Amino acid sequence: QVGLADSGGGLVQAGGSLRLSCAVSGLATLRSYITDWFRQAPEVQRVFVAKIYWNNASSVYADSVKGRFTISRDNADNTPYLEMSNLKPGDTAMYYCSLIHKGGGARYWGKGTLVTVSS
């Protein structure tokens, strides 16, 4: 059974940085998967933040985070990361990692990690 455990959230001042990680269990390799990060602010729909294709590390970002967030992955331990810098109060949200096979199928979700950016 596939499990995702996202962590690394916290309270930070505007301009600060955080690093989120997502521990993946139940899969021997993520080579055929895509890892995404989404976020959801209170009373707002969950939105896409960034994705990384595990086989070649190519990445895609939402316009709102380009130049400030970096998604990466560690092949050695099957862990995706989201480095967030120059954080803004508008980045405050619950952040979720997600995993889907590049051929489609079920999407797996972490339970979320809360990021709060104070002004």
Protein backbone atom coordinates (compact mmCIF):
# COMPACT_ATOMS: atom_id res chain seq x y z
CA GLN A 1 0.00 0.00 0.00
CA VAL A 2 1.38 3.38 -1.03
CA GLY A 3 1.73 5.99 1.70
CA LEU A 4 2.88 9.60 1.64
CA ALA A 5 3.92 11.55 4.70
CA ASP A 6 4.56 15.22 4.10
CA SER A 7 6.43 17.31 6.65
CA GLY A 8 8.51 20.43 7.14
CA GLY A 9 5.83 23.07 7.50
CA GLY A 10 5.85 25.71 10.19
CA LEU A 11 5.57 29.37 11.04
CA VAL A 12 7.98 31.71 9.26
CA GLN A 13 8.25 35.43 8.70
CA ALA A 14 7.80 36.95 5.28
CA GLY A 15 11.01 36.60 3.31
CA GLY A 16 11.96 33.42 5.12
CA SER A 17 12.44 29.89 3.84
CA LEU A 18 11.16 26.41 4.50
CA ARG A 19 11.88 22.98 3.10
CA LEU A 20 9.07 20.49 2.75
CA SER A 21 9.66 16.78 2.28
CA CYS A 22 7.47 13.83 1.48
CA ALA A 23 8.34 10.35 2.69
CA VAL A 24 7.03 7.75 0.26
CA SER A 25 6.42 4.17 1.32
CA GLY A 26 5.13 1.11 -0.48
CA LEU A 27 7.01 1.62 -3.75
CA ALA A 28 10.45 0.27 -4.63
CA THR A 29 11.13 3.03 -7.15
CA LEU A 30 9.43 6.21 -8.28
CA ARG A 31 11.04 6.15 -11.73
CA SER A 32 7.66 6.00 -13.51
CA TYR A 33 5.92 8.52 -11.29
CA ILE A 34 5.25 12.22 -11.14
CA THR A 35 5.37 14.00 -7.79
CA ASP A 36 3.30 17.14 -7.32
CA TRP A 37 2.89 19.64 -4.55
CA PHE A 38 -0.47 21.32 -4.09
CA ARG A 39 -1.62 23.83 -1.53
CA GLN A 40 -4.94 24.82 -0.06
CA ALA A 41 -5.66 28.00 1.84
CA PRO A 42 -8.74 28.25 4.09
CA GLU A 43 -11.98 28.34 2.11
CA VAL A 44 -10.07 28.16 -1.17
CA GLN A 45 -9.79 25.33 -3.67
CA ARG A 46 -6.66 23.22 -3.62
CA VAL A 47 -4.26 24.47 -6.30
CA PHE A 48 -1.20 23.17 -8.07
CA VAL A 49 2.20 24.44 -6.94
CA ALA A 50 4.87 22.35 -8.68
CA LYS A 51 5.58 18.95 -10.18
CA ILE A 52 8.63 16.87 -10.98
CA TYR A 53 8.96 13.95 -13.35
CA TRP A 54 10.93 11.38 -11.45
CA ASN A 55 12.73 9.81 -14.42
CA ASN A 56 14.38 12.96 -15.77
CA ALA A 57 13.82 15.54 -13.03
CA SER A 58 12.07 17.96 -15.37
CA SER A 59 9.82 20.29 -13.43
CA VAL A 60 6.84 22.60 -13.82
CA TYR A 61 5.81 25.46 -11.53
CA ALA A 62 2.76 27.59 -10.96
CA ASP A 63 3.40 31.19 -11.99
CA SER A 64 2.85 32.35 -8.41
CA VAL A 65 5.90 30.45 -7.14
CA LYS A 66 8.31 30.57 -10.06
CA GLY A 67 11.73 31.80 -9.02
CA ARG A 68 10.96 31.27 -5.33
CA PHE A 69 10.19 27.55 -5.00
CA THR A 70 12.29 24.63 -6.16
CA ILE A 71 11.05 21.06 -6.42
CA SER A 72 13.58 18.25 -6.33
CA ARG A 73 13.84 14.57 -5.62
CA ASP A 74 16.33 12.25 -3.98
CA ASN A 75 16.62 8.99 -5.89
CA ALA A 76 18.46 7.30 -3.05
CA ASP A 77 15.54 7.40 -0.64
CA ASN A 78 12.57 8.13 -2.92
CA THR A 79 11.94 11.50 -1.30
CA PRO A 80 10.62 14.57 -3.07
CA TYR A 81 11.31 18.02 -1.65
CA LEU A 82 9.93 21.52 -2.03
CA GLU A 83 12.36 24.29 -1.16
CA MET A 84 10.48 27.53 -0.56
CA SER A 85 12.24 30.86 -0.29
CA ASN A 86 11.20 34.51 -0.15
CA LEU A 87 7.93 33.35 1.38
CA LYS A 88 4.98 35.71 1.35
CA PRO A 89 1.84 35.83 3.51
CA GLY A 90 -0.07 34.70 0.43
CA ASP A 91 1.84 31.42 0.54
CA THR A 92 0.09 30.51 3.79
CA ALA A 93 -1.72 27.22 3.21
CA MET A 94 -1.77 23.53 3.90
CA TYR A 95 0.71 21.93 1.52
CA TYR A 96 0.12 18.44 0.16
CA CYS A 97 2.45 16.16 -1.71
CA SER A 98 0.89 13.91 -4.30
CA LEU A 99 2.02 11.02 -6.45
CA ILE A 100 0.66 9.68 -9.72
CA HIS A 101 1.98 7.22 -12.25
CA LYS A 102 2.95 8.92 -15.50
CA GLY A 103 0.55 6.55 -17.31
CA GLY A 104 -2.37 7.71 -15.19
CA GLY A 105 -4.36 5.87 -12.57
CA ALA A 106 -4.85 6.54 -8.89
CA ARG A 107 -3.42 9.68 -7.32
CA TYR A 108 -1.98 9.33 -3.86
CA TRP A 109 -1.99 12.15 -1.31
CA GLY A 110 -0.17 13.04 1.86
CA LYS A 111 -2.13 14.39 4.81
CA GLY A 112 -0.63 17.85 4.45
CA THR A 113 1.77 20.09 6.30
CA LEU A 114 0.82 23.60 7.36
CA VAL A 115 2.86 26.60 6.24
CA THR A 116 2.09 29.93 7.87
CA VAL A 117 3.87 33.08 6.74
CA SER A 118 3.54 36.14 8.95
CA SER A 119 3.95 39.68 7.68
